[in-house]
Each structure stands twice: as structure tokens, then as C-alpha cells.
Protein backbone atom coordinates (compact mmCIF):
# COMPACT_ATOMS: atom_id res chain seq x y z
CA MET A 1 11.10 4.46 5.38
CA ASN A 2 8.55 1.08 6.46
CA ARG A 3 9.12 -1.45 8.40
CA ASP A 4 8.86 -3.64 5.05
CA GLN A 5 11.62 -1.14 3.38
CA VAL A 6 13.91 -2.24 6.94
CA LYS A 7 13.27 -5.96 6.93
CA GLY A 8 14.06 -5.59 3.39
CA THR A 9 17.17 -3.86 3.24
CA ILE A 10 18.28 -6.62 6.28
CA ASP A 11 17.40 -9.75 4.16
CA GLU A 12 18.95 -7.91 1.09
CA VAL A 13 22.85 -7.28 2.48
CA ALA A 14 22.63 -10.56 4.89
CA GLY A 15 21.45 -12.11 1.76
CA GLY A 16 24.64 -10.89 -0.25
CA ALA A 17 27.23 -11.77 2.67
CA LYS A 18 26.03 -15.16 2.64
CA ARG A 19 25.75 -15.44 -0.88
CA LYS A 20 29.81 -13.92 -0.68
CA ALA A 21 30.95 -16.06 1.87
CA GLY A 22 29.28 -19.23 0.21
CA ALA A 23 31.62 -17.98 -2.86
CA LEU A 24 35.01 -17.86 -1.40
CA THR A 25 34.57 -21.17 0.38
CA GLY A 26 32.97 -22.90 -2.51
CA ASN A 27 29.69 -23.79 -0.33
CA THR A 28 26.94 -23.97 -2.73
CA LYS A 29 24.36 -24.34 -0.19
CA LEU A 30 25.01 -21.20 1.37
CA GLU A 31 25.67 -19.42 -1.71
CA VAL A 32 22.07 -20.37 -3.02
CA GLU A 33 20.64 -19.73 0.71
CA GLY A 34 22.19 -16.16 0.41
CA MET A 35 20.66 -15.63 -2.98
CA VAL A 36 17.43 -16.55 -2.06
CA GLN A 37 17.29 -14.50 1.25
CA GLN A 38 18.85 -11.60 -1.53
CA ALA A 39 15.79 -11.83 -3.42
CA LYS A 40 13.54 -11.79 -0.36
CA GLY A 41 15.22 -8.86 0.71
CA LYS A 42 14.49 -7.00 -2.94
CA VAL A 43 11.05 -8.10 -2.63
CA GLU A 44 10.19 -6.56 1.05
CA ASN A 45 12.32 -3.72 0.02
CA ALA A 46 9.97 -3.46 -3.10
CA TRP A 47 6.37 -4.16 -1.32
CA GLY A 48 7.54 -1.54 1.35
CA LYS A 49 8.36 1.23 -1.24
CA THR A 50 4.47 0.53 -2.54
CA LYS A 51 2.53 0.67 1.13
CA GLY A 52 4.89 3.71 0.99
CA ALA A 53 2.92 5.21 -2.01
CA VAL A 54 -0.10 4.32 -1.62
CA ARG A 55 0.29 6.18 1.85
CA ASP A 56 0.99 8.97 0.68
CA ALA A 57 -0.88 9.20 -2.02
CA VAL A 58 -4.51 8.70 0.20
CA GLU A 59 -2.58 10.86 2.60
CA GLY A 60 -2.37 14.13 0.42
CA SER A 61 -5.90 13.47 -1.24
CA GLU A 62 -9.23 14.77 -0.44
CA VAL A 63 -12.79 13.73 -0.70
CA HIS A 64 -15.13 15.93 -0.09
CA LEU A 65 -19.20 14.15 -0.39
CA ASP A 66 -22.08 16.63 -0.88
CA THR A 67 -24.90 14.59 0.31
CA ARG A 68 -27.47 17.46 0.63
CA VAL A 69 -30.80 16.91 -1.77
CA THR A 70 -33.32 19.05 -2.31
CA LEU A 71 -36.58 18.97 -3.57
CA LYS A 72 -38.58 20.77 -5.42
CA MET A 73 -42.19 20.94 -6.18
CA LYS A 74 -43.52 21.60 -9.91
CA ASN A 75 -47.10 20.60 -9.27
CA SER A 76 -49.09 23.54 -7.38
CA ALA A 77 -51.97 21.34 -6.22
CA ALA A 78 -49.98 18.38 -5.30
CA ASP A 79 -47.74 20.97 -2.93
CA ALA A 80 -51.14 21.81 -2.11
CA GLU A 81 -51.62 18.42 -1.25
CA CYS A 82 -48.20 17.65 0.47
CA LYS A 83 -48.77 21.06 2.99
CA LYS A 84 -52.36 19.13 4.15
CA CYS A 85 -50.47 16.25 5.48
CA LYS A 86 -48.26 17.36 7.28
């Protein structure tokens, strides 16, 4: 679990509590604030899960680059001329 997931979970729980408290007391403003905070927490949690999945995919992959280049001369006259230049 990464930092975004932790923040998201905290916001979801706190938002849910605010929403319920607002509903119980008839405080519409508090209820709406709770809904917004809860939605924010869900988005943060999803973002954290996505980041974790990408990190896991990158860490689990291996990339190998082969940068060797082989040049062969087909023309023996050109090959002989090349040797003169050295």
C-alpha cells in the first residue's frame, strides 16, 4: 500500500463519517462535505492502486538492448583499399 492509497482510505472513512453525521443531525452542508471527501478518497485510492500496478509491471519486466553492430565487406577490392587507409 502506497501513500496515495493510505490518504485515500483515510479520506474515504472520514468522509463517510462526516456524511453520516450530517445526515443524522440534518446538517446538509456537512453531509455534502462528507460526500465530496469520500469521493476524493476513492479517487486517491484508485490512483494509488494504478501507480502500484504500473510500478509492479515495470519492476517485473526486463529490457535487454543489444547494441552490437557487425559490418562485413563483400567487395574484396574495397576491403583491401580500406586496409590501406589504416
